[in-house]
Amino acid sequence: MAEKTEIFSSPSSPPPSFYMVDKTGKLSSPSLPSSPPPSYYMGEKTEKYSSPSSPPPSFYRKYIISYINEQVELDSRSEKRVLLLESAGKESCCIFRVPKSFAEMNPEAYKPKVVSIGPYHHGRKHLEMIQQHKLRFLHLFLRTASVDRDVLFNAVVDWEDEIRKSYSEGLEGSPHELVYMMILDGCFILMLLLIVSRKIELYESEDPILTIPWILPSIQSDLLLLENQVPFFVLQTLFDKSEIGVPGDLNRMAFSFFNLSMDKPERYWVKHRNFNAKHLLDLIRMSFLPMDGYEDFQLTKGKSRKKSSSGLTLLLSATRLSLQGIDFSLRSGADSMLDIRLKKNRLQIPVLRLDGFIISILLNCVAFEQFYAKSTNHITSYVVFMGCLLNGKEDATFLSRRRIIENYFGSEKEVSKFFKTICKDVVFDIHASYLRNVFVEINENTSKWYSICRSFLLSPRNFVALRFRPIYRF
């Protein structure tokens, strides 16, 4: 210790033994005075600190110790709440917090406006209005379903571990608090589904949640946010304990509820009633997937086709493809907006009714596909494809004139900007895309067109014919 003592021999630099760690992990100094003696400023110790404007070394030591203790306290708090669980990459984890880096272009698109569901936004001040009605809906569900609260609690508490594993973050709170939250939020959702799908009679014709025009559409959007979900098995468990409906009714009720904003025919939903979804967002996401005509329908991340195309690239914009011989047309009668087909040089695209509700679904479905390890990438493939076509406002105008886009969102420039923004940071494997063959065939067609034009122009005879072509005036 002799060498170390010499290093810290200055009174302003205490030896290592000066700093001690107590049982809580905090630094302390047993010899540190609470305040310097008056003589400290009177020149008795050293002339260096004779001015009251120059604090003594003990002041700096006390400040440093206080700062380090604050950092230790902050670190210990952050350790209690794990931001990304080790199980987040497993199939059981399906509800994620959207990172700021991913959401920076549309930060409000992933946050609830009127109602919190699940733990991520629980207790937010601006969501208190609907939160106050959840208990009323719980009591209504208990009466309507002829079930006791203890029965629901005992049924859900058995799923506590699975519930925690469904979220990418470590959840704070006791098991009782978590289970009560799941029951309260789950019964609120179920009552909305039951009332809107007319499984039960409207219990109160003047309920504000159902009669004030803007509330229900806002709730619908909030229930399809990735951060605002409860596991589907929680809803199914609560529904199974009731005396309402039959197996399979839950999917059908959810479709009826969200169809208020999606406006699809009944035959559209019949095809999707047997899906096993992870949550409501996943259920609606799966309803967009084409049911036939794509051999890669079940293709998931991590699996790619054996056949590969080394030169496979993304597409040119719609206006440029049109100049290169690709004919754009509306595909009428398609069940899904994702059902894009290419026949020879004719690209057939179903109508995209672009409004705030669909935009919210697209953003959150892309986020889900980016984070959930076992998801297909259909929505991501679709937005990347449309993002290629919509490179500028002239492309949005071009597709709108062909009735491929029905724009209820904003200007053509805003439509183009939206698709360019949503595609900015996504991870996309074109070889694992359900639209892979469409990408391949369009690239092949444009390459042939380029070769034909090049061969034509390189011919001296054709060049001369074009150069000296007579101009007719009428």
Protein backbone atom coordinates (compact mmCIF):
# COMPACT_ATOMS: atom_id res chain seq x y z
CA MET A 1 0.00 0.00 0.00
CA ALA A 2 3.04 2.28 0.21
CA GLU A 3 3.02 3.09 -3.49
CA LYS A 4 -0.73 3.75 -3.54
CA THR A 5 -0.39 5.96 -0.47
CA GLU A 6 2.18 8.10 -2.24
CA ILE A 7 -0.09 8.44 -5.27
CA PHE A 8 -2.95 9.71 -3.12
CA SER A 9 -0.81 11.69 -0.72
CA SER A 10 -2.45 14.97 -1.71
CA PRO A 11 -5.20 16.09 0.70
CA SER A 12 -7.48 16.66 -2.30
CA SER A 13 -6.99 13.03 -3.44
CA PRO A 14 -7.93 10.51 -0.71
CA PRO A 15 -6.45 7.00 -0.65
CA PRO A 16 -8.53 4.06 -1.95
CA SER A 17 -9.36 3.03 1.61
CA PHE A 18 -11.14 6.34 2.03
CA TYR A 19 -14.11 5.11 -0.05
CA MET A 20 -15.99 2.24 1.58
CA VAL A 21 -18.99 0.23 0.36
CA ASP A 22 -21.83 -0.49 2.77
CA LYS A 23 -24.19 -3.52 2.69
CA THR A 24 -26.51 -1.87 0.16
CA GLY A 25 -23.70 -1.41 -2.35
CA LYS A 26 -23.46 2.35 -1.79
CA LEU A 27 -20.21 4.24 -1.34
CA SER A 28 -19.62 5.95 1.96
CA SER A 29 -16.86 7.82 3.75
CA PRO A 30 -16.70 7.23 7.51
CA SER A 31 -14.25 10.10 8.04
CA LEU A 32 -16.14 12.61 5.93
CA PRO A 33 -17.27 15.60 8.02
CA SER A 34 -20.76 16.90 7.49
CA SER A 35 -19.36 20.41 7.00
CA PRO A 36 -15.83 21.90 7.08
CA PRO A 37 -14.75 23.67 10.27
CA PRO A 38 -14.72 27.47 10.25
CA SER A 39 -10.94 27.45 10.40
CA TYR A 40 -10.95 25.84 6.96
CA TYR A 41 -11.69 29.21 5.41
CA MET A 42 -9.39 31.15 7.76
CA GLY A 43 -6.07 30.06 6.29
CA GLU A 44 -5.10 27.69 9.15
CA LYS A 45 -4.77 24.55 6.97
CA THR A 46 -3.53 25.88 3.67
CA GLU A 47 -3.45 29.13 1.84
CA LYS A 48 -4.91 27.39 -1.25
CA TYR A 49 -8.40 27.22 0.27
CA SER A 50 -8.35 30.49 2.18
CA SER A 51 -11.10 31.96 0.00
CA PRO A 52 -14.71 31.06 0.85
CA SER A 53 -15.41 30.92 -2.91
CA SER A 54 -13.10 27.91 -3.27
CA PRO A 55 -14.75 24.80 -1.72
CA PRO A 56 -12.65 22.33 0.26
CA PRO A 57 -11.76 18.83 -1.02
CA SER A 58 -14.43 17.30 1.24
CA PHE A 59 -17.06 19.14 -0.78
CA TYR A 60 -15.96 17.40 -3.99
CA ARG A 61 -15.69 14.02 -2.28
CA LYS A 62 -19.20 14.35 -0.89
CA TYR A 63 -20.56 15.38 -4.30
CA ILE A 64 -18.86 12.46 -6.09
CA ILE A 65 -20.11 9.92 -3.55
CA SER A 66 -23.64 11.30 -3.81
CA TYR A 67 -23.55 11.13 -7.61
CA ILE A 68 -22.25 7.55 -7.67
CA ASN A 69 -24.89 6.45 -5.16
CA GLU A 70 -27.59 7.95 -7.39
CA GLN A 71 -26.27 5.98 -10.37
CA VAL A 72 -26.19 2.76 -8.32
CA GLU A 73 -29.81 3.40 -7.31
CA LEU A 74 -30.87 3.99 -10.92
CA ASP A 75 -29.06 0.85 -12.09
CA SER A 76 -30.70 -1.24 -9.37
CA ARG A 77 -34.12 0.04 -10.42
CA SER A 78 -33.55 -0.76 -14.08
CA GLU A 79 -32.42 -4.27 -13.17
CA LYS A 80 -35.80 -4.93 -11.58
CA ARG A 81 -37.60 -4.31 -14.90
CA VAL A 82 -36.18 -6.37 -17.74
CA LEU A 83 -36.76 -4.57 -21.04
CA LEU A 84 -36.20 -7.63 -23.23
CA LEU A 85 -36.70 -11.07 -21.74
CA GLU A 86 -34.54 -14.00 -22.79
CA SER A 87 -37.76 -15.70 -23.90
CA ALA A 88 -38.64 -12.85 -26.31
CA GLY A 89 -37.41 -14.88 -29.27
CA LYS A 90 -39.59 -17.88 -28.49
CA GLU A 91 -42.96 -18.68 -30.03
CA SER A 92 -44.73 -17.92 -26.74
CA CYS A 93 -43.69 -14.24 -26.85
CA CYS A 94 -46.02 -12.33 -29.15
CA ILE A 95 -46.68 -8.88 -27.58
CA PHE A 96 -43.85 -6.40 -27.98
CA ARG A 97 -42.95 -2.86 -27.08
CA VAL A 98 -42.14 -1.03 -30.31
CA PRO A 99 -38.61 0.46 -30.02
CA LYS A 100 -38.22 4.22 -30.46
CA SER A 101 -35.84 3.71 -33.37
CA PHE A 102 -38.52 1.73 -35.21
CA ALA A 103 -41.35 4.13 -34.39
CA GLU A 104 -39.56 7.46 -34.76
CA MET A 105 -41.28 8.30 -38.07
CA ASN A 106 -44.78 7.50 -36.72
CA PRO A 107 -44.45 7.55 -32.91
CA GLU A 108 -48.17 8.00 -32.19
CA ALA A 109 -49.22 5.12 -34.46
CA TYR A 110 -48.33 2.55 -31.80
CA LYS A 111 -49.83 4.30 -28.75
CA PRO A 112 -53.47 4.00 -27.61
CA LYS A 113 -55.66 7.08 -27.83
CA VAL A 114 -58.57 6.18 -25.53
CA VAL A 115 -58.16 2.75 -23.89
CA SER A 116 -55.26 0.77 -22.44
CA ILE A 117 -55.26 -3.01 -22.81
CA GLY A 118 -52.63 -5.05 -21.01
CA PRO A 119 -49.69 -3.79 -18.94
CA TYR A 120 -47.66 -1.59 -21.30
CA HIS A 121 -49.92 1.49 -21.09
CA HIS A 122 -51.78 0.70 -17.89
CA GLY A 123 -52.34 3.74 -15.67
CA ARG A 124 -51.69 6.40 -18.31
CA LYS A 125 -53.43 9.64 -17.38
CA HIS A 126 -55.01 10.34 -20.76
CA LEU A 127 -56.64 6.88 -20.82
CA GLU A 128 -58.57 7.23 -17.56
CA MET A 129 -61.90 8.03 -19.24
CA ILE A 130 -62.50 4.51 -20.59
CA GLN A 131 -60.65 2.91 -17.68
CA GLN A 132 -63.43 4.13 -15.40
CA HIS A 133 -65.99 2.13 -17.42
CA LYS A 134 -64.13 -1.20 -17.35
CA LEU A 135 -65.41 -2.22 -13.91
CA ARG A 136 -68.97 -1.58 -15.05
CA PHE A 137 -68.41 -3.79 -18.09
CA LEU A 138 -66.91 -6.50 -15.85
CA HIS A 139 -70.02 -6.59 -13.66
CA LEU A 140 -72.18 -6.67 -16.77
CA PHE A 141 -70.21 -9.63 -18.13
CA LEU A 142 -70.55 -11.52 -14.84
CA ARG A 143 -74.33 -11.06 -14.94
CA THR A 144 -74.69 -11.81 -18.64
CA ALA A 145 -72.40 -14.85 -18.60
CA SER A 146 -73.83 -16.19 -15.31
CA VAL A 147 -70.36 -16.70 -13.92
CA ASP A 148 -68.73 -15.82 -10.61
CA ARG A 149 -65.65 -13.61 -10.38
CA ASP A 150 -63.75 -16.27 -8.41
CA VAL A 151 -64.34 -18.75 -11.22
CA LEU A 152 -62.73 -16.37 -13.69
CA PHE A 153 -59.85 -15.66 -11.32
CA ASN A 154 -59.10 -19.35 -10.76
CA ALA A 155 -59.24 -20.00 -14.50
CA VAL A 156 -56.88 -17.16 -15.44
CA VAL A 157 -54.41 -17.57 -12.56
CA ASP A 158 -53.43 -20.96 -13.98
CA TRP A 159 -52.12 -19.12 -17.04
CA GLU A 160 -49.99 -16.60 -15.15
CA ASP A 161 -46.62 -17.93 -16.33
CA GLU A 162 -47.82 -18.14 -19.94
CA ILE A 163 -49.19 -14.59 -19.71
CA ARG A 164 -45.83 -13.22 -18.55
CA LYS A 165 -44.03 -15.14 -21.31
CA SER A 166 -46.35 -13.56 -23.89
CA TYR A 167 -44.80 -10.12 -23.28
CA SER A 168 -41.30 -9.15 -24.37
CA GLU A 169 -40.73 -7.07 -21.21
CA GLY A 170 -40.60 -8.24 -17.63
CA LEU A 171 -43.91 -7.34 -15.99
CA GLU A 172 -44.01 -5.68 -12.59
CA GLY A 173 -46.70 -6.33 -10.04
CA SER A 174 -47.93 -9.33 -8.08
CA PRO A 175 -49.69 -12.34 -9.64
CA HIS A 176 -53.00 -11.05 -8.24
CA GLU A 177 -52.53 -7.65 -9.90
CA LEU A 178 -51.63 -9.19 -13.26
CA VAL A 179 -54.54 -11.64 -13.21
CA TYR A 180 -57.01 -8.92 -12.20
CA MET A 181 -55.76 -6.73 -15.08
CA MET A 182 -56.25 -9.60 -17.54
CA ILE A 183 -59.79 -10.24 -16.28
CA LEU A 184 -60.76 -6.56 -16.30
CA ASP A 185 -59.39 -5.89 -19.78
CA GLY A 186 -60.51 -9.25 -21.17
CA CYS A 187 -64.10 -8.88 -19.98
CA PHE A 188 -64.22 -5.32 -21.32
CA ILE A 189 -63.21 -6.62 -24.77
CA LEU A 190 -65.64 -9.55 -24.62
CA MET A 191 -68.57 -7.32 -23.71
CA LEU A 192 -67.82 -5.04 -26.65
CA LEU A 193 -67.68 -8.04 -28.99
CA LEU A 194 -70.91 -9.50 -27.59
CA ILE A 195 -72.85 -6.25 -27.89
CA VAL A 196 -71.64 -5.24 -31.35
CA SER A 197 -72.08 -8.75 -32.79
CA ARG A 198 -75.58 -8.82 -31.22
CA LYS A 199 -74.94 -11.98 -29.25
CA ILE A 200 -76.75 -10.24 -26.43
CA GLU A 201 -79.39 -7.54 -26.43
CA LEU A 202 -78.20 -3.98 -26.07
CA TYR A 203 -78.43 -3.58 -22.32
CA GLU A 204 -78.52 0.21 -22.25
CA SER A 205 -79.45 2.19 -25.33
CA GLU A 206 -77.72 5.35 -24.12
CA ASP A 207 -74.36 3.90 -23.07
CA PRO A 208 -71.80 6.62 -23.95
CA ILE A 209 -69.19 4.15 -25.19
CA LEU A 210 -71.65 2.89 -27.80
CA THR A 211 -73.54 6.07 -28.66
CA ILE A 212 -70.92 8.85 -28.80
CA PRO A 213 -69.82 8.57 -32.45
CA TRP A 214 -66.04 8.92 -32.11
CA ILE A 215 -65.47 6.58 -29.14
CA LEU A 216 -66.15 3.14 -30.65
CA PRO A 217 -64.01 3.67 -33.80
CA SER A 218 -61.19 4.93 -31.56
CA ILE A 219 -61.50 1.82 -29.37
CA GLN A 220 -61.39 -0.38 -32.47
CA SER A 221 -58.10 1.18 -33.54
CA ASP A 222 -56.65 0.91 -30.03
CA LEU A 223 -57.53 -2.79 -29.83
CA LEU A 224 -55.35 -3.43 -32.91
CA LEU A 225 -52.14 -1.88 -31.58
CA LEU A 226 -49.22 -4.24 -30.97
CA GLU A 227 -48.42 -2.73 -27.56
CA ASN A 228 -52.09 -2.84 -26.53
CA GLN A 229 -52.87 -6.56 -26.52
CA VAL A 230 -53.75 -9.40 -24.20
CA PRO A 231 -53.03 -13.00 -25.25
CA PHE A 232 -55.88 -14.56 -27.19
CA PHE A 233 -55.92 -17.55 -24.85
CA VAL A 234 -56.95 -15.18 -22.04
CA LEU A 235 -60.00 -14.06 -24.03
CA GLN A 236 -60.78 -17.65 -24.95
CA THR A 237 -60.49 -18.80 -21.32
CA LEU A 238 -62.86 -16.09 -20.10
CA PHE A 239 -65.28 -16.77 -22.95
CA ASP A 240 -65.24 -20.54 -22.33
CA LYS A 241 -66.19 -20.01 -18.69
CA SER A 242 -69.31 -18.13 -19.72
CA GLU A 243 -72.59 -19.66 -20.81
CA ILE A 244 -72.64 -17.67 -24.03
CA GLY A 245 -72.10 -18.98 -27.53
CA VAL A 246 -70.40 -22.07 -28.93
CA PRO A 247 -66.77 -22.89 -29.86
CA GLY A 248 -65.60 -20.76 -32.78
CA ASP A 249 -67.87 -17.87 -31.85
CA LEU A 250 -65.03 -15.74 -30.50
CA ASN A 251 -63.34 -15.34 -33.89
CA ARG A 252 -66.69 -14.62 -35.51
CA MET A 253 -67.57 -11.99 -32.90
CA ALA A 254 -64.18 -10.30 -33.34
CA PHE A 255 -64.69 -10.15 -37.10
CA SER A 256 -68.16 -8.64 -36.64
CA PHE A 257 -66.75 -6.02 -34.28
CA PHE A 258 -63.90 -4.88 -36.53
CA ASN A 259 -66.02 -5.11 -39.67
CA LEU A 260 -67.64 -1.84 -38.60
CA SER A 261 -64.47 -0.20 -39.92
CA MET A 262 -63.43 -2.75 -42.56
CA ASP A 263 -66.78 -3.23 -44.33
CA LYS A 264 -66.18 -6.74 -45.73
CA PRO A 265 -68.92 -9.14 -46.93
CA GLU A 266 -69.87 -12.09 -44.74
CA ARG A 267 -68.27 -14.60 -47.14
CA TYR A 268 -64.92 -12.90 -46.52
CA TRP A 269 -65.00 -13.71 -42.80
CA VAL A 270 -66.35 -17.26 -43.15
CA LYS A 271 -63.01 -18.38 -44.61
CA HIS A 272 -61.08 -17.18 -41.57
CA ARG A 273 -63.09 -18.45 -38.61
CA ASN A 274 -60.74 -21.30 -37.71
CA PHE A 275 -57.53 -19.31 -37.35
CA ASN A 276 -55.52 -19.78 -34.14
CA ALA A 277 -54.27 -16.27 -33.51
CA LYS A 278 -51.93 -14.96 -30.83
CA HIS A 279 -54.08 -11.88 -30.13
CA LEU A 280 -56.64 -9.65 -31.84
CA LEU A 281 -54.06 -7.89 -34.01
CA ASP A 282 -52.75 -11.23 -35.25
CA LEU A 283 -56.31 -12.42 -35.95
CA ILE A 284 -57.04 -9.44 -38.19
CA ARG A 285 -53.58 -9.73 -39.77
CA MET A 286 -54.27 -13.34 -40.70
CA SER A 287 -57.60 -12.36 -42.25
CA PHE A 288 -55.68 -10.33 -44.85
CA LEU A 289 -53.57 -13.27 -46.00
CA PRO A 290 -54.52 -14.73 -49.41
CA MET A 291 -56.17 -18.12 -48.98
CA ASP A 292 -55.09 -19.68 -52.27
CA GLY A 293 -52.94 -19.19 -55.33
CA TYR A 294 -49.66 -18.84 -53.44
CA GLU A 295 -47.56 -21.91 -52.78
CA ASP A 296 -45.60 -19.96 -50.15
CA PHE A 297 -48.64 -19.14 -48.03
CA GLN A 298 -47.18 -20.81 -44.92
CA LEU A 299 -43.63 -19.58 -45.53
CA THR A 300 -42.14 -18.10 -42.37
CA LYS A 301 -38.97 -16.25 -41.50
CA GLY A 302 -35.93 -18.46 -41.50
CA LYS A 303 -37.29 -20.63 -44.32
CA SER A 304 -36.59 -19.77 -47.91
CA ARG A 305 -37.27 -21.56 -51.15
CA LYS A 306 -34.63 -23.87 -52.60
CA LYS A 307 -34.83 -22.08 -55.93
CA SER A 308 -33.01 -18.76 -55.88
CA SER A 309 -32.56 -15.85 -58.24
CA SER A 310 -29.20 -14.20 -57.84
CA GLY A 311 -30.27 -11.06 -59.70
CA LEU A 312 -33.59 -10.58 -57.91
CA THR A 313 -34.07 -6.93 -57.00
CA LEU A 314 -36.79 -4.54 -55.89
CA LEU A 315 -39.02 -2.83 -58.43
CA LEU A 316 -39.11 0.47 -60.23
CA SER A 317 -41.91 2.94 -59.53
CA ALA A 318 -45.36 2.52 -61.05
CA THR A 319 -44.90 5.28 -63.63
CA ARG A 320 -41.52 3.93 -64.73
CA LEU A 321 -42.83 0.37 -64.95
CA SER A 322 -45.68 1.66 -67.08
CA LEU A 323 -43.18 3.22 -69.47
CA GLN A 324 -41.38 -0.12 -69.66
CA GLY A 325 -44.42 -2.08 -70.77
CA ILE A 326 -46.13 -3.12 -67.51
CA ASP A 327 -49.88 -2.56 -67.69
CA PHE A 328 -51.59 -1.76 -64.37
CA SER A 329 -55.21 -2.73 -63.77
CA LEU A 330 -57.63 -3.12 -60.86
CA ARG A 331 -58.18 -6.71 -59.74
CA SER A 332 -61.89 -6.84 -59.02
CA GLY A 333 -63.46 -9.45 -56.76
CA ALA A 334 -60.30 -10.25 -54.80
CA ASP A 335 -60.90 -11.29 -51.19
CA SER A 336 -57.72 -9.65 -49.95
CA MET A 337 -55.84 -6.50 -50.90
CA LEU A 338 -52.69 -8.65 -50.73
CA ASP A 339 -53.88 -10.87 -53.61
CA ILE A 340 -51.67 -9.34 -56.32
CA ARG A 341 -51.29 -11.20 -59.62
CA LEU A 342 -49.18 -10.77 -62.76
CA LYS A 343 -50.43 -12.24 -66.04
CA LYS A 344 -47.93 -11.72 -68.85
CA ASN A 345 -47.29 -7.98 -68.65
CA ARG A 346 -50.56 -7.09 -66.86
CA LEU A 347 -50.16 -6.35 -63.14
CA GLN A 348 -53.49 -6.81 -61.34
CA ILE A 349 -53.73 -5.16 -57.92
CA PRO A 350 -56.82 -5.21 -55.64
CA VAL A 351 -58.16 -1.90 -54.40
CA LEU A 352 -56.46 -0.34 -51.37
CA ARG A 353 -58.86 1.85 -49.38
CA LEU A 354 -56.33 3.94 -47.54
CA ASP A 355 -57.69 5.57 -44.37
CA GLY A 356 -56.48 6.04 -40.81
CA PHE A 357 -57.77 2.65 -39.66
CA ILE A 358 -56.00 0.67 -42.41
CA ILE A 359 -52.81 2.68 -41.96
CA SER A 360 -52.78 1.83 -38.25
CA ILE A 361 -53.30 -1.86 -39.04
CA LEU A 362 -50.50 -1.90 -41.62
CA LEU A 363 -48.02 -0.21 -39.28
CA ASN A 364 -48.74 -2.51 -36.35
CA CYS A 365 -48.88 -5.68 -38.46
CA VAL A 366 -45.49 -4.86 -39.95
CA ALA A 367 -44.13 -4.30 -36.44
CA PHE A 368 -45.56 -7.65 -35.31
CA GLU A 369 -44.04 -9.47 -38.28
CA GLN A 370 -40.68 -7.81 -37.62
CA PHE A 371 -40.57 -8.85 -33.95
CA TYR A 372 -42.45 -12.16 -33.72
CA ALA A 373 -40.11 -15.00 -34.58
CA LYS A 374 -42.74 -17.36 -36.00
CA SER A 375 -44.76 -14.94 -38.10
CA THR A 376 -45.06 -14.95 -41.87
CA ASN A 377 -44.04 -11.72 -43.62
CA HIS A 378 -47.11 -11.16 -45.82
CA ILE A 379 -47.97 -7.63 -44.68
CA THR A 380 -44.31 -6.61 -44.80
CA SER A 381 -44.05 -7.99 -48.35
CA TYR A 382 -47.15 -6.05 -49.38
CA VAL A 383 -46.00 -2.69 -48.01
CA VAL A 384 -42.51 -3.13 -49.51
CA PHE A 385 -44.11 -3.94 -52.88
CA MET A 386 -46.39 -0.91 -52.70
CA GLY A 387 -43.50 1.19 -51.41
CA CYS A 388 -41.56 0.35 -54.58
CA LEU A 389 -44.49 1.38 -56.77
CA LEU A 390 -45.24 4.58 -54.83
CA ASN A 391 -41.91 6.35 -55.11
CA GLY A 392 -43.44 9.81 -55.59
CA LYS A 393 -46.71 11.69 -55.67
CA GLU A 394 -46.99 11.11 -59.44
CA ASP A 395 -47.08 7.35 -58.72
CA ALA A 396 -49.91 7.80 -56.20
CA THR A 397 -51.81 9.84 -58.78
CA PHE A 398 -51.14 7.17 -61.42
CA LEU A 399 -52.57 4.35 -59.25
CA SER A 400 -55.48 6.47 -58.05
CA ARG A 401 -56.55 7.15 -61.63
CA ARG A 402 -56.62 3.41 -62.22
CA ARG A 403 -58.81 3.00 -59.10
CA ILE A 404 -56.16 0.83 -57.41
CA ILE A 405 -55.90 3.33 -54.54
CA GLU A 406 -58.91 4.97 -52.92
CA ASN A 407 -57.30 7.77 -50.96
CA TYR A 408 -59.09 8.87 -47.77
CA PHE A 409 -55.81 9.61 -46.03
CA GLY A 410 -54.38 12.81 -47.47
CA SER A 411 -52.63 14.16 -50.52
CA GLU A 412 -50.86 11.97 -53.07
CA LYS A 413 -47.57 13.20 -51.62
CA GLU A 414 -48.61 12.01 -48.13
CA VAL A 415 -49.59 8.59 -49.50
CA SER A 416 -46.19 8.17 -51.13
CA LYS A 417 -44.41 9.42 -48.02
CA PHE A 418 -46.30 6.95 -45.81
CA PHE A 419 -45.17 3.90 -47.79
CA LYS A 420 -41.60 5.16 -48.08
CA THR A 421 -41.57 5.76 -44.32
CA ILE A 422 -43.01 2.40 -43.31
CA CYS A 423 -40.46 0.58 -45.48
CA LYS A 424 -37.48 2.55 -44.20
CA ASP A 425 -36.14 0.26 -41.44
CA VAL A 426 -37.91 -3.05 -42.06
CA VAL A 427 -35.98 -6.27 -42.54
CA PHE A 428 -37.27 -7.87 -45.73
CA ASP A 429 -36.17 -11.11 -47.41
CA ILE A 430 -37.47 -10.96 -50.96
CA HIS A 431 -36.77 -14.68 -51.42
CA ALA A 432 -39.08 -15.52 -48.50
CA SER A 433 -41.88 -13.29 -49.77
CA TYR A 434 -45.22 -14.57 -51.02
CA LEU A 435 -44.78 -12.03 -53.86
CA ARG A 436 -41.40 -13.43 -54.85
CA ASN A 437 -42.61 -14.74 -58.21
CA VAL A 438 -44.26 -11.39 -58.98
CA PHE A 439 -40.95 -9.62 -58.31
CA VAL A 440 -39.14 -12.15 -60.53
CA GLU A 441 -41.56 -11.90 -63.45
CA ILE A 442 -41.73 -8.09 -63.42
CA ASN A 443 -37.94 -7.89 -63.40
CA GLU A 444 -37.78 -10.37 -66.28
CA ASN A 445 -40.38 -8.46 -68.29
CA THR A 446 -38.65 -5.10 -67.81
CA SER A 447 -35.29 -6.67 -68.68
CA LYS A 448 -36.76 -8.06 -71.93
CA TRP A 449 -38.26 -4.66 -72.73
CA TYR A 450 -34.90 -2.99 -72.14
CA SER A 451 -33.13 -5.53 -74.36
CA ILE A 452 -35.66 -5.06 -77.18
CA CYS A 453 -35.35 -1.26 -77.02
CA ARG A 454 -31.58 -1.46 -76.91
CA SER A 455 -31.40 -3.82 -79.90
CA PHE A 456 -33.79 -1.62 -81.85
CA LEU A 457 -31.86 1.57 -81.20
CA LEU A 458 -28.47 -0.03 -81.90
CA SER A 459 -29.60 -0.94 -85.41
CA PRO A 460 -28.32 1.81 -87.79
CA ARG A 461 -31.30 1.38 -90.07
CA ASN A 462 -33.82 1.85 -87.23
CA PHE A 463 -31.86 4.77 -85.84
CA VAL A 464 -31.88 6.54 -89.21
CA ALA A 465 -35.60 5.79 -89.62
CA LEU A 466 -36.33 7.40 -86.27
CA ARG A 467 -33.95 10.29 -86.85
CA PHE A 468 -35.49 11.31 -90.16
CA ARG A 469 -39.07 10.30 -89.52
CA PRO A 470 -41.35 12.87 -91.25
CA ILE A 471 -43.54 15.07 -89.10
CA TYR A 472 -47.13 15.38 -90.26
CA ARG A 473 -49.07 18.49 -89.45
CA PHE A 474 -52.86 18.66 -89.60
